[in-house]
Amino acid sequence: MATKKTVITKDQIVSYYMNHVLEHHEKPKSIYQFAKNNGFQESEFYTFFGTLDAIEKEIFIQFFDKTLELLEKNPAYTSYDMRTKLLSFYFTFFELLTANRSYVLYALQQHKNQLKNVMLLTDVRKKFKNYIGEITTDDFRVQIERFQEYQEKATKESLWIQFLLTLKFWMEDSSAGFEKTDIYIEKSVKAAFELMNITPIDSLIDFGKFLFKEKIQKNK
């Protein structure tokens, strides 16, 4: 009796790809070879992806979507204010990245041209900005005088830049348990909200001191 052929899934292809990169520290040479080595047909690959690069983007999308999934499982999350929701997002997202740190470092450092590396996050950028729009509360809009559409766009863009800077800090963090990244997240988010609310600059000064201290230590 013939054995029923196992149907390959999108998640399996992603898993095979990550394993290949981790074991060989390079991309598969071709889609044909990648499929053959993992026991499925090349045609099955195209059911989910058009190129190998598309898998790399998908991996970061999955990190993002998994983060939101985990946040929404927490009953208290919906009652959080905007800043607490963003902090929860950061801590959860970077916990997932840490669990896959070897792959993430490879993916975001594979090209000498940093712009090419950041291009892997183009879809994440759209999702992140949509997420900021979803968690922006009416109370926050009221706090910013004459909050208008262009100001909301500027807020999303500035928080995206903050996200990229946090990612860079995490990639360079060598502290145990990446505790310095946790401190960076807390201070940078607090400083960002104080900037947007034009409130006292204590947090900005505190964040600046933290960054200055880190820079001095790295240059020693």
N, C-alpha and C. Protein backbone atom coordinates (compact mmCIF):
# COMPACT_ATOMS: atom_id res chain seq x y z
N MET A 1 0.84 -1.20 0.00
CA MET A 1 0.00 0.00 0.00
C MET A 1 0.88 1.25 0.00
N ALA A 2 0.58 2.16 -0.91
CA ALA A 2 1.39 3.36 -1.04
C ALA A 2 1.22 4.26 0.17
N THR A 3 2.34 4.84 0.60
CA THR A 3 2.29 5.76 1.73
C THR A 3 1.86 7.13 1.25
N LYS A 4 0.91 7.74 2.00
CA LYS A 4 0.42 9.05 1.62
C LYS A 4 1.53 10.09 1.79
N LYS A 5 1.74 10.89 0.76
CA LYS A 5 2.81 11.89 0.79
C LYS A 5 2.48 13.00 1.78
N THR A 6 3.45 13.36 2.59
CA THR A 6 3.27 14.45 3.55
C THR A 6 3.30 15.79 2.83
N VAL A 7 2.32 16.62 3.12
CA VAL A 7 2.25 17.93 2.50
C VAL A 7 3.11 18.92 3.29
N ILE A 8 4.01 19.60 2.60
CA ILE A 8 4.89 20.56 3.26
C ILE A 8 4.09 21.80 3.66
N THR A 9 4.43 22.40 4.77
CA THR A 9 3.74 23.60 5.23
C THR A 9 4.68 24.81 5.18
N LYS A 10 4.09 25.96 5.27
CA LYS A 10 4.86 27.22 5.28
C LYS A 10 5.81 27.26 6.47
N ASP A 11 5.31 26.87 7.63
CA ASP A 11 6.15 26.90 8.83
C ASP A 11 7.30 25.92 8.74
N GLN A 12 7.10 24.78 8.09
CA GLN A 12 8.18 23.81 7.93
C GLN A 12 9.29 24.37 7.04
N ILE A 13 8.89 25.05 5.97
CA ILE A 13 9.88 25.65 5.08
C ILE A 13 10.70 26.70 5.83
N VAL A 14 10.02 27.51 6.63
CA VAL A 14 10.72 28.51 7.44
C VAL A 14 11.70 27.84 8.39
N SER A 15 11.26 26.77 9.04
CA SER A 15 12.12 26.04 9.98
C SER A 15 13.33 25.44 9.27
N TYR A 16 13.11 24.83 8.10
CA TYR A 16 14.21 24.25 7.33
C TYR A 16 15.22 25.34 6.94
N TYR A 17 14.69 26.50 6.56
CA TYR A 17 15.57 27.59 6.13
C TYR A 17 16.44 28.08 7.28
N MET A 18 15.82 28.30 8.43
CA MET A 18 16.57 28.78 9.59
C MET A 18 17.63 27.76 10.00
N ASN A 19 17.27 26.48 9.98
CA ASN A 19 18.23 25.43 10.34
C ASN A 19 19.41 25.41 9.37
N HIS A 20 19.12 25.58 8.07
CA HIS A 20 20.20 25.59 7.07
C HIS A 20 21.16 26.74 7.35
N VAL A 21 20.61 27.93 7.58
CA VAL A 21 21.44 29.11 7.84
C VAL A 21 22.29 28.91 9.09
N LEU A 22 21.70 28.37 10.14
CA LEU A 22 22.43 28.17 11.39
C LEU A 22 23.53 27.13 11.26
N GLU A 23 23.28 26.10 10.46
CA GLU A 23 24.27 25.03 10.31
C GLU A 23 25.38 25.41 9.33
N HIS A 24 25.05 26.17 8.29
CA HIS A 24 26.02 26.47 7.23
C HIS A 24 26.47 27.94 7.22
N HIS A 25 25.79 28.76 7.99
CA HIS A 25 26.07 30.19 8.06
C HIS A 25 26.07 30.83 6.68
N GLU A 26 25.14 30.41 5.89
CA GLU A 26 24.91 31.01 4.58
C GLU A 26 23.55 30.56 4.06
N LYS A 27 23.05 31.28 3.07
CA LYS A 27 21.79 30.91 2.46
C LYS A 27 21.96 29.64 1.63
N PRO A 28 20.86 28.91 1.37
CA PRO A 28 20.93 27.81 0.42
C PRO A 28 21.36 28.34 -0.95
N LYS A 29 22.06 27.53 -1.72
CA LYS A 29 22.57 27.97 -3.01
C LYS A 29 21.46 28.20 -4.02
N SER A 30 20.39 27.40 -3.91
CA SER A 30 19.27 27.54 -4.83
C SER A 30 18.02 26.97 -4.19
N ILE A 31 16.87 27.35 -4.73
CA ILE A 31 15.60 26.82 -4.23
C ILE A 31 15.53 25.32 -4.52
N TYR A 32 16.00 24.92 -5.71
CA TYR A 32 15.98 23.50 -6.07
C TYR A 32 16.76 22.68 -5.06
N GLN A 33 17.99 23.09 -4.76
CA GLN A 33 18.82 22.34 -3.83
C GLN A 33 18.23 22.36 -2.42
N PHE A 34 17.69 23.49 -2.03
CA PHE A 34 17.06 23.63 -0.71
C PHE A 34 15.90 22.66 -0.57
N ALA A 35 15.05 22.61 -1.58
CA ALA A 35 13.90 21.71 -1.54
C ALA A 35 14.35 20.24 -1.53
N LYS A 36 15.28 19.91 -2.39
CA LYS A 36 15.78 18.54 -2.49
C LYS A 36 16.38 18.06 -1.18
N ASN A 37 17.18 18.90 -0.56
CA ASN A 37 17.84 18.52 0.70
C ASN A 37 16.87 18.32 1.85
N ASN A 38 15.67 18.91 1.72
CA ASN A 38 14.70 18.80 2.81
C ASN A 38 13.48 17.95 2.45
N GLY A 39 13.59 17.24 1.33
CA GLY A 39 12.59 16.23 1.01
C GLY A 39 11.26 16.73 0.50
N PHE A 40 11.25 17.87 -0.20
CA PHE A 40 9.99 18.30 -0.83
C PHE A 40 10.30 18.84 -2.22
N GLN A 41 9.26 19.04 -3.00
CA GLN A 41 9.42 19.46 -4.39
C GLN A 41 9.59 20.97 -4.50
N GLU A 42 10.38 21.37 -5.49
CA GLU A 42 10.58 22.81 -5.71
C GLU A 42 9.25 23.52 -5.94
N SER A 43 8.35 22.86 -6.66
CA SER A 43 7.04 23.46 -6.94
C SER A 43 6.26 23.76 -5.66
N GLU A 44 6.48 22.95 -4.62
CA GLU A 44 5.79 23.18 -3.35
C GLU A 44 6.30 24.45 -2.67
N PHE A 45 7.56 24.76 -2.90
CA PHE A 45 8.13 25.98 -2.34
C PHE A 45 7.36 27.20 -2.83
N TYR A 46 7.05 27.21 -4.13
CA TYR A 46 6.42 28.38 -4.74
C TYR A 46 4.96 28.55 -4.32
N THR A 47 4.41 27.56 -3.64
CA THR A 47 3.06 27.72 -3.08
C THR A 47 3.05 28.81 -2.02
N PHE A 48 4.18 28.99 -1.35
CA PHE A 48 4.26 29.93 -0.23
C PHE A 48 5.21 31.11 -0.47
N PHE A 49 6.28 30.88 -1.23
CA PHE A 49 7.30 31.91 -1.41
C PHE A 49 7.75 31.99 -2.86
N GLY A 50 8.10 33.22 -3.27
CA GLY A 50 8.61 33.38 -4.63
C GLY A 50 10.12 33.31 -4.69
N THR A 51 10.77 33.67 -3.58
CA THR A 51 12.23 33.68 -3.52
C THR A 51 12.69 33.26 -2.13
N LEU A 52 13.98 32.99 -2.00
CA LEU A 52 14.55 32.70 -0.69
C LEU A 52 14.54 33.95 0.19
N ASP A 53 14.73 35.11 -0.42
CA ASP A 53 14.69 36.36 0.34
C ASP A 53 13.34 36.56 1.01
N ALA A 54 12.28 36.08 0.36
CA ALA A 54 10.94 36.23 0.92
C ALA A 54 10.81 35.48 2.25
N ILE A 55 11.54 34.38 2.39
CA ILE A 55 11.50 33.64 3.66
C ILE A 55 12.10 34.49 4.77
N GLU A 56 13.19 35.18 4.47
CA GLU A 56 13.84 36.01 5.48
C GLU A 56 12.89 37.08 6.01
N LYS A 57 12.14 37.70 5.10
CA LYS A 57 11.16 38.70 5.54
C LYS A 57 10.04 38.05 6.36
N GLU A 58 9.63 36.87 5.93
CA GLU A 58 8.56 36.16 6.62
C GLU A 58 8.95 35.83 8.05
N ILE A 59 10.19 35.49 8.29
CA ILE A 59 10.65 35.13 9.63
C ILE A 59 10.45 36.29 10.59
N PHE A 60 10.79 37.50 10.16
CA PHE A 60 10.62 38.66 11.03
C PHE A 60 9.14 39.02 11.20
N ILE A 61 8.34 38.77 10.17
CA ILE A 61 6.90 38.97 10.29
C ILE A 61 6.34 38.02 11.35
N GLN A 62 6.82 36.77 11.33
CA GLN A 62 6.36 35.80 12.31
C GLN A 62 6.75 36.19 13.73
N PHE A 63 7.94 36.74 13.90
CA PHE A 63 8.35 37.24 15.22
C PHE A 63 7.37 38.32 15.69
N PHE A 64 7.01 39.21 14.78
CA PHE A 64 6.10 40.31 15.12
C PHE A 64 4.71 39.78 15.46
N ASP A 65 4.18 38.93 14.59
CA ASP A 65 2.83 38.39 14.81
C ASP A 65 2.75 37.56 16.08
N LYS A 66 3.79 36.79 16.36
CA LYS A 66 3.83 35.98 17.58
C LYS A 66 3.84 36.88 18.82
N THR A 67 4.53 38.01 18.72
CA THR A 67 4.56 38.96 19.83
C THR A 67 3.15 39.44 20.16
N LEU A 68 2.41 39.87 19.14
CA LEU A 68 1.05 40.35 19.36
C LEU A 68 0.15 39.24 19.89
N GLU A 69 0.36 38.04 19.38
CA GLU A 69 -0.43 36.89 19.85
C GLU A 69 -0.22 36.66 21.34
N LEU A 70 1.03 36.71 21.78
CA LEU A 70 1.34 36.51 23.20
C LEU A 70 0.78 37.65 24.05
N LEU A 71 0.86 38.87 23.56
CA LEU A 71 0.34 40.02 24.30
C LEU A 71 -1.17 39.90 24.49
N GLU A 72 -1.87 39.49 23.45
CA GLU A 72 -3.32 39.42 23.50
C GLU A 72 -3.82 38.28 24.38
N LYS A 73 -2.94 37.34 24.69
CA LYS A 73 -3.31 36.26 25.61
C LYS A 73 -3.33 36.72 27.07
N ASN A 74 -2.72 37.87 27.32
CA ASN A 74 -2.69 38.43 28.67
C ASN A 74 -3.95 39.26 28.90
N PRO A 75 -4.85 38.84 29.79
CA PRO A 75 -6.12 39.54 30.00
C PRO A 75 -5.93 41.00 30.42
N ALA A 76 -4.83 41.30 31.09
CA ALA A 76 -4.61 42.65 31.59
C ALA A 76 -4.13 43.60 30.49
N TYR A 77 -3.65 43.05 29.38
CA TYR A 77 -3.03 43.87 28.34
C TYR A 77 -3.97 44.95 27.80
N THR A 78 -5.23 44.61 27.61
CA THR A 78 -6.17 45.58 27.02
C THR A 78 -6.40 46.79 27.90
N SER A 79 -6.14 46.65 29.19
CA SER A 79 -6.37 47.77 30.12
C SER A 79 -5.13 48.65 30.27
N TYR A 80 -4.02 48.27 29.66
CA TYR A 80 -2.79 49.05 29.77
C TYR A 80 -2.93 50.38 29.02
N ASP A 81 -2.20 51.39 29.48
CA ASP A 81 -2.14 52.63 28.71
C ASP A 81 -1.16 52.43 27.55
N MET A 82 -1.06 53.44 26.70
CA MET A 82 -0.27 53.31 25.48
C MET A 82 1.19 52.99 25.78
N ARG A 83 1.77 53.70 26.73
CA ARG A 83 3.19 53.48 27.03
C ARG A 83 3.44 52.08 27.57
N THR A 84 2.56 51.59 28.44
CA THR A 84 2.73 50.25 29.01
C THR A 84 2.55 49.19 27.94
N LYS A 85 1.63 49.41 27.01
CA LYS A 85 1.46 48.46 25.90
C LYS A 85 2.73 48.40 25.06
N LEU A 86 3.32 49.56 24.79
CA LEU A 86 4.53 49.58 23.96
C LEU A 86 5.69 48.90 24.69
N LEU A 87 5.81 49.15 25.99
CA LEU A 87 6.85 48.47 26.77
C LEU A 87 6.65 46.96 26.73
N SER A 88 5.41 46.52 26.89
CA SER A 88 5.10 45.08 26.85
C SER A 88 5.47 44.50 25.50
N PHE A 89 5.18 45.26 24.44
CA PHE A 89 5.54 44.81 23.09
C PHE A 89 7.04 44.61 22.98
N TYR A 90 7.81 45.62 23.39
CA TYR A 90 9.26 45.56 23.29
C TYR A 90 9.84 44.36 24.05
N PHE A 91 9.43 44.21 25.30
CA PHE A 91 9.99 43.14 26.12
C PHE A 91 9.65 41.76 25.53
N THR A 92 8.43 41.61 25.02
CA THR A 92 8.02 40.33 24.43
C THR A 92 8.73 40.08 23.11
N PHE A 93 8.81 41.11 22.27
CA PHE A 93 9.46 40.96 20.97
C PHE A 93 10.93 40.60 21.11
N PHE A 94 11.62 41.29 22.00
CA PHE A 94 13.05 41.03 22.14
C PHE A 94 13.33 39.73 22.89
N GLU A 95 12.38 39.26 23.64
CA GLU A 95 12.51 37.92 24.23
C GLU A 95 12.48 36.86 23.14
N LEU A 96 11.60 37.05 22.15
CA LEU A 96 11.54 36.13 21.01
C LEU A 96 12.82 36.22 20.17
N LEU A 97 13.31 37.43 19.96
CA LEU A 97 14.56 37.58 19.21
C LEU A 97 15.72 36.91 19.93
N THR A 98 15.76 37.06 21.26
CA THR A 98 16.83 36.45 22.03
C THR A 98 16.82 34.93 21.91
N ALA A 99 15.63 34.34 21.86
CA ALA A 99 15.50 32.89 21.69
C ALA A 99 16.01 32.43 20.33
N ASN A 100 16.11 33.38 19.39
CA ASN A 100 16.59 33.07 18.03
C ASN A 100 17.75 33.99 17.65
N ARG A 101 18.56 34.35 18.63
CA ARG A 101 19.58 35.38 18.45
C ARG A 101 20.59 35.05 17.34
N SER A 102 21.06 33.81 17.30
CA SER A 102 22.07 33.44 16.30
C SER A 102 21.56 33.69 14.89
N TYR A 103 20.29 33.31 14.64
CA TYR A 103 19.73 33.54 13.31
C TYR A 103 19.56 35.03 13.03
N VAL A 104 19.02 35.75 14.00
CA VAL A 104 18.74 37.18 13.81
C VAL A 104 20.02 37.95 13.52
N LEU A 105 21.09 37.65 14.26
CA LEU A 105 22.36 38.33 14.04
C LEU A 105 22.89 38.06 12.63
N TYR A 106 22.76 36.80 12.19
CA TYR A 106 23.19 36.48 10.83
C TYR A 106 22.39 37.28 9.81
N ALA A 107 21.08 37.23 9.94
CA ALA A 107 20.19 37.86 8.95
C ALA A 107 20.43 39.36 8.85
N LEU A 108 20.64 40.03 9.99
CA LEU A 108 20.76 41.48 9.99
C LEU A 108 22.20 41.97 9.87
N GLN A 109 23.13 41.03 9.68
CA GLN A 109 24.53 41.42 9.48
C GLN A 109 25.13 40.78 8.23
N GLN A 110 24.30 40.15 7.41
CA GLN A 110 24.82 39.39 6.28
C GLN A 110 25.37 40.28 5.16
N HIS A 111 24.88 41.51 5.05
CA HIS A 111 25.37 42.41 4.00
C HIS A 111 26.21 43.53 4.61
N LYS A 112 27.25 43.92 3.94
CA LYS A 112 28.04 45.07 4.40
C LYS A 112 27.22 46.35 4.29
N ASN A 113 26.36 46.39 3.29
CA ASN A 113 25.44 47.52 3.13
C ASN A 113 24.29 47.36 4.12
N GLN A 114 24.28 48.18 5.17
CA GLN A 114 23.28 48.05 6.21
C GLN A 114 21.86 48.28 5.69
N LEU A 115 21.73 49.06 4.63
CA LEU A 115 20.41 49.32 4.07
C LEU A 115 19.77 48.03 3.58
N LYS A 116 20.60 47.14 2.98
CA LYS A 116 20.08 45.86 2.52
C LYS A 116 19.59 45.01 3.68
N ASN A 117 20.29 45.08 4.81
CA ASN A 117 19.86 44.33 5.99
C ASN A 117 18.54 44.86 6.52
N VAL A 118 18.42 46.18 6.57
CA VAL A 118 17.19 46.80 7.09
C VAL A 118 16.00 46.51 6.17
N MET A 119 16.27 46.28 4.89
CA MET A 119 15.19 45.99 3.95
C MET A 119 14.40 44.74 4.34
N LEU A 120 15.03 43.86 5.14
CA LEU A 120 14.32 42.68 5.61
C LEU A 120 13.15 43.05 6.53
N LEU A 121 13.18 44.27 7.03
CA LEU A 121 12.18 44.71 8.01
C LEU A 121 11.11 45.62 7.39
N THR A 122 11.04 45.69 6.07
CA THR A 122 10.08 46.60 5.43
C THR A 122 8.64 46.24 5.79
N ASP A 123 8.31 44.96 5.81
CA ASP A 123 6.95 44.55 6.16
C ASP A 123 6.69 44.71 7.66
N VAL A 124 7.73 44.50 8.46
CA VAL A 124 7.61 44.71 9.90
C VAL A 124 7.35 46.19 10.18
N ARG A 125 7.99 47.06 9.41
CA ARG A 125 7.79 48.50 9.58
C ARG A 125 6.31 48.85 9.40
N LYS A 126 5.67 48.30 8.38
CA LYS A 126 4.25 48.58 8.15
C LYS A 126 3.41 48.07 9.31
N LYS A 127 3.72 46.86 9.77
CA LYS A 127 2.97 46.28 10.88
C LYS A 127 3.18 47.07 12.16
N PHE A 128 4.41 47.51 12.38
CA PHE A 128 4.72 48.26 13.61
C PHE A 128 3.95 49.59 13.62
N LYS A 129 3.95 50.28 12.50
CA LYS A 129 3.26 51.57 12.44
C LYS A 129 1.75 51.39 12.58
N ASN A 130 1.22 50.31 12.04
CA ASN A 130 -0.21 50.01 12.23
C ASN A 130 -0.50 49.74 13.70
N TYR A 131 0.43 49.03 14.33
CA TYR A 131 0.27 48.71 15.75
C TYR A 131 0.27 49.99 16.59
N ILE A 132 1.17 50.91 16.29
CA ILE A 132 1.21 52.18 17.01
C ILE A 132 -0.12 52.92 16.85
N GLY A 133 -0.67 52.88 15.64
CA GLY A 133 -1.97 53.51 15.41
C GLY A 133 -3.07 52.87 16.25
N GLU A 134 -2.99 51.55 16.40
CA GLU A 134 -4.02 50.83 17.16
C GLU A 134 -3.95 51.12 18.66
N ILE A 135 -2.74 51.33 19.19
CA ILE A 135 -2.62 51.54 20.63
C ILE A 135 -2.63 53.02 21.01
N THR A 136 -2.65 53.91 20.00
CA THR A 136 -2.73 55.34 20.30
C THR A 136 -4.12 55.65 20.82
N THR A 137 -4.20 56.07 22.05
CA THR A 137 -5.49 56.31 22.71
C THR A 137 -5.95 57.75 22.52
N ASP A 138 -7.24 57.97 22.75
CA ASP A 138 -7.78 59.33 22.68
C ASP A 138 -7.13 60.22 23.74
N ASP A 139 -6.85 59.63 24.91
CA ASP A 139 -6.21 60.39 25.98
C ASP A 139 -4.85 60.92 25.52
N PHE A 140 -4.11 60.08 24.80
CA PHE A 140 -2.80 60.50 24.31
C PHE A 140 -2.95 61.62 23.29
N ARG A 141 -3.97 61.50 22.44
CA ARG A 141 -4.20 62.55 21.44
C ARG A 141 -4.54 63.88 22.10
N VAL A 142 -5.31 63.82 23.19
CA VAL A 142 -5.69 65.02 23.92
C VAL A 142 -4.46 65.66 24.57
N GLN A 143 -3.52 64.82 25.05
CA GLN A 143 -2.33 65.32 25.72
C GLN A 143 -1.45 66.15 24.78
N ILE A 144 -1.48 65.81 23.50
CA ILE A 144 -0.69 66.55 22.51
C ILE A 144 -1.58 67.63 21.89
N GLU A 145 -1.26 68.86 22.17
CA GLU A 145 -2.09 69.97 21.71
C GLU A 145 -2.23 69.97 20.20
N ARG A 146 -3.47 70.11 19.75
CA ARG A 146 -3.79 70.17 18.33
C ARG A 146 -3.22 68.96 17.59
N PHE A 147 -3.43 67.76 18.17
CA PHE A 147 -2.95 66.53 17.56
C PHE A 147 -3.65 66.33 16.22
N GLN A 148 -2.89 66.31 15.15
CA GLN A 148 -3.45 66.17 13.82
C GLN A 148 -2.83 64.98 13.11
N GLU A 149 -3.35 64.71 11.92
CA GLU A 149 -2.92 63.52 11.19
C GLU A 149 -1.42 63.52 10.93
N TYR A 150 -0.85 64.66 10.55
CA TYR A 150 0.58 64.70 10.25
C TYR A 150 1.40 64.46 11.51
N GLN A 151 0.87 64.88 12.67
CA GLN A 151 1.58 64.64 13.92
C GLN A 151 1.55 63.15 14.28
N GLU A 152 0.44 62.50 13.97
CA GLU A 152 0.34 61.07 14.25
C GLU A 152 1.31 60.30 13.35
N LYS A 153 1.44 60.71 12.11
CA LYS A 153 2.40 60.07 11.20
C LYS A 153 3.82 60.27 11.71
N ALA A 154 4.11 61.47 12.21
CA ALA A 154 5.44 61.75 12.73
C ALA A 154 5.72 60.90 13.97
N THR A 155 4.70 60.71 14.80
CA THR A 155 4.85 59.88 16.00
C THR A 155 5.18 58.45 15.61
N LYS A 156 4.47 57.91 14.63
CA LYS A 156 4.72 56.53 14.17
C LYS A 156 6.13 56.39 13.62
N GLU A 157 6.56 57.37 12.85
CA GLU A 157 7.88 57.30 12.23
C GLU A 157 8.98 57.40 13.29
N SER A 158 8.80 58.30 14.26
CA SER A 158 9.82 58.46 15.30
C SER A 158 9.91 57.22 16.18
N LEU A 159 8.78 56.58 16.44
CA LEU A 159 8.80 55.35 17.24
C LEU A 159 9.41 54.20 16.45
N TRP A 160 9.25 54.21 15.13
CA TRP A 160 9.89 53.19 14.30
C TRP A 160 11.41 53.35 14.34
N ILE A 161 11.88 54.59 14.28
CA ILE A 161 13.32 54.84 14.39
C ILE A 161 13.83 54.37 15.75
N GLN A 162 13.05 54.65 16.78
CA GLN A 162 13.41 54.17 18.12
C GLN A 162 13.50 52.65 18.15
N PHE A 163 12.58 51.99 17.47
CA PHE A 163 12.58 50.53 17.38
C PHE A 163 13.88 50.03 16.74
N LEU A 164 14.30 50.66 15.65
CA LEU A 164 15.53 50.26 14.97
C LEU A 164 16.76 50.50 15.86
N LEU A 165 16.76 51.61 16.59
CA LEU A 165 17.88 51.89 17.49
C LEU A 165 17.92 50.88 18.63
N THR A 166 16.76 50.46 19.10
CA THR A 166 16.71 49.45 20.15
C THR A 166 17.22 48.11 19.63
N LEU A 167 16.85 47.79 18.40
CA LEU A 167 17.32 46.56 17.78
C LEU A 167 18.85 46.57 17.64
N LYS A 168 19.40 47.70 17.23
CA LYS A 168 20.85 47.84 17.11
C LYS A 168 21.52 47.68 18.47
N PHE A 169 20.94 48.29 19.50
CA PHE A 169 21.51 48.19 20.84
C PHE A 169 21.52 46.73 21.30
N TRP A 170 20.40 46.03 21.08
CA TRP A 170 20.29 44.62 21.47
C TRP A 170 21.33 43.76 20.75
N MET A 171 21.55 44.03 19.47
CA MET A 171 22.52 43.26 18.69
C MET A 171 23.93 43.43 19.24
N GLU A 172 24.22 44.59 19.81
CA GLU A 172 25.56 44.87 20.33
C GLU A 172 25.68 44.60 21.83
N ASP A 173 24.58 44.26 22.47
CA ASP A 173 24.55 44.06 23.92
C ASP A 173 25.24 42.75 24.30
N SER A 174 26.19 42.83 25.19
CA SER A 174 26.90 41.63 25.65
C SER A 174 26.67 41.38 27.14
N SER A 175 25.73 42.09 27.73
CA SER A 175 25.46 41.93 29.16
C SER A 175 24.71 40.62 29.43
N ALA A 176 24.87 40.09 30.64
CA ALA A 176 24.20 38.85 31.02
C ALA A 176 22.69 39.03 30.95
N GLY A 177 22.04 38.09 30.27
CA GLY A 177 20.59 38.16 30.15
C GLY A 177 20.10 39.38 29.38
N PHE A 178 21.05 40.07 28.70
CA PHE A 178 20.73 41.28 27.94
C PHE A 178 19.99 42.29 28.81
N GLU A 179 20.45 42.38 30.06
CA GLU A 179 19.80 43.28 31.02
C GLU A 179 19.94 44.74 30.62
N LYS A 180 21.04 45.08 29.92
CA LYS A 180 21.20 46.46 29.48
C LYS A 180 20.18 46.84 28.42
N THR A 181 19.78 45.87 27.62
CA THR A 181 18.72 46.14 26.64
C THR A 181 17.42 46.45 27.35
N ASP A 182 17.12 45.73 28.42
CA ASP A 182 15.91 46.00 29.20
C ASP A 182 15.92 47.43 29.74
N ILE A 183 17.09 47.84 30.24
CA ILE A 183 17.22 49.21 30.76
C ILE A 183 17.04 50.22 29.62
N TYR A 184 17.66 49.92 28.48
CA TYR A 184 17.55 50.79 27.31
C TYR A 184 16.09 50.96 26.91
N ILE A 185 15.35 49.85 26.86
CA ILE A 185 13.94 49.90 26.48
C ILE A 185 13.15 50.80 27.42
N GLU A 186 13.32 50.59 28.72
CA GLU A 186 12.57 51.37 29.71
C GLU A 186 12.88 52.87 29.58
N LYS A 187 14.15 53.19 29.50
CA LYS A 187 14.55 54.59 29.46
C LYS A 187 14.19 55.25 28.13
N SER A 188 14.36 54.54 27.02
CA SER A 188 14.09 55.14 25.72
C SER A 188 12.59 55.36 25.49
N VAL A 189 11.77 54.40 25.93
CA VAL A 189 10.32 54.56 25.78
C VAL A 189 9.82 55.71 26.65
N LYS A 190 10.30 55.77 27.89
CA LYS A 190 9.90 56.87 28.77
C LYS A 190 10.32 58.21 28.19
N ALA A 191 11.55 58.27 27.67
CA ALA A 191 12.05 59.52 27.08
C ALA A 191 11.24 59.90 25.84
N ALA A 192 10.88 58.92 25.02
CA ALA A 192 10.12 59.18 23.80
C ALA A 192 8.76 59.79 24.13
N PHE A 193 8.10 59.25 25.15
CA PHE A 193 6.78 59.76 25.50
C PHE A 193 6.88 61.15 26.13
N GLU A 194 7.95 61.41 26.83
CA GLU A 194 8.12 62.75 27.38
C GLU A 194 8.40 63.76 26.27
N LEU A 195 9.13 63.33 25.26
CA LEU A 195 9.36 64.21 24.12
C LEU A 195 8.05 64.54 23.41
N MET A 196 7.22 63.52 23.20
CA MET A 196 5.97 63.73 22.49
C MET A 196 4.98 64.57 23.30
N ASN A 197 5.06 64.45 24.61
CA ASN A 197 4.16 65.20 25.47
C ASN A 197 4.72 66.55 25.88
N ILE A 198 6.00 66.80 25.49
CA ILE A 198 6.69 68.05 25.84
C ILE A 198 6.61 68.29 27.34
N THR A 199 6.95 67.28 28.13
CA THR A 199 6.92 67.36 29.58
C THR A 199 8.34 67.50 30.10
N PRO A 200 8.55 67.55 31.43
CA PRO A 200 9.90 67.72 31.96
C PRO A 200 10.90 66.75 31.36
N ILE A 201 12.17 67.20 31.25
CA ILE A 201 13.17 66.43 30.51
C ILE A 201 14.03 65.53 31.40
N ASP A 202 13.57 65.23 32.61
CA ASP A 202 14.35 64.38 33.51
C ASP A 202 14.69 63.04 32.85
N SER A 203 13.69 62.44 32.19
CA SER A 203 13.92 61.13 31.57
C SER A 203 14.88 61.22 30.41
N LEU A 204 14.83 62.33 29.66
CA LEU A 204 15.76 62.50 28.54
C LEU A 204 17.19 62.60 29.05
N ILE A 205 17.38 63.33 30.15
CA ILE A 205 18.71 63.45 30.74
C ILE A 205 19.19 62.10 31.25
N ASP A 206 18.29 61.37 31.90
CA ASP A 206 18.63 60.05 32.44
C ASP A 206 19.01 59.08 31.32
N PHE A 207 18.26 59.12 30.22
CA PHE A 207 18.53 58.26 29.07
C PHE A 207 19.86 58.65 28.44
N GLY A 208 20.11 59.95 28.34
CA GLY A 208 21.37 60.43 27.77
C GLY A 208 22.57 59.98 28.59
N LYS A 209 22.44 60.02 29.91
CA LYS A 209 23.52 59.56 30.79
C LYS A 209 23.78 58.08 30.59
N PHE A 210 22.73 57.30 30.42
CA PHE A 210 22.87 55.85 30.21
C PHE A 210 23.62 55.57 28.92
N LEU A 211 23.24 56.25 27.83
CA LEU A 211 23.91 56.05 26.54
C LEU A 211 25.36 56.50 26.60
N PHE A 212 25.61 57.62 27.26
CA PHE A 212 26.97 58.13 27.38
C PHE A 212 27.85 57.13 28.14
N LYS A 213 27.32 56.58 29.22
CA LYS A 213 28.06 55.60 30.01
C LYS A 213 28.38 54.37 29.18
N GLU A 214 27.42 53.89 28.39
CA GLU A 214 27.62 52.72 27.54
C GLU A 214 28.69 53.00 26.49
N LYS A 215 28.67 54.19 25.91
CA LYS A 215 29.63 54.55 24.87
C LYS A 215 31.04 54.60 25.44
N ILE A 216 31.18 55.17 26.63
CA ILE A 216 32.49 55.29 27.25
C ILE A 216 33.06 53.91 27.56
N GLN A 217 32.22 53.02 28.08
CA GLN A 217 32.67 51.67 28.44
C GLN A 217 33.13 50.90 27.19
N LYS A 218 32.44 51.06 26.08
CA LYS A 218 32.80 50.33 24.86
C LYS A 218 34.09 50.84 24.25
N ASN A 219 34.40 52.10 24.50
CA ASN A 219 35.59 52.70 23.92
C ASN A 219 36.84 52.50 24.77
N LYS A 220 36.66 51.90 25.96
CA LYS A 220 37.81 51.68 26.83
C LYS A 220 38.69 50.55 26.30
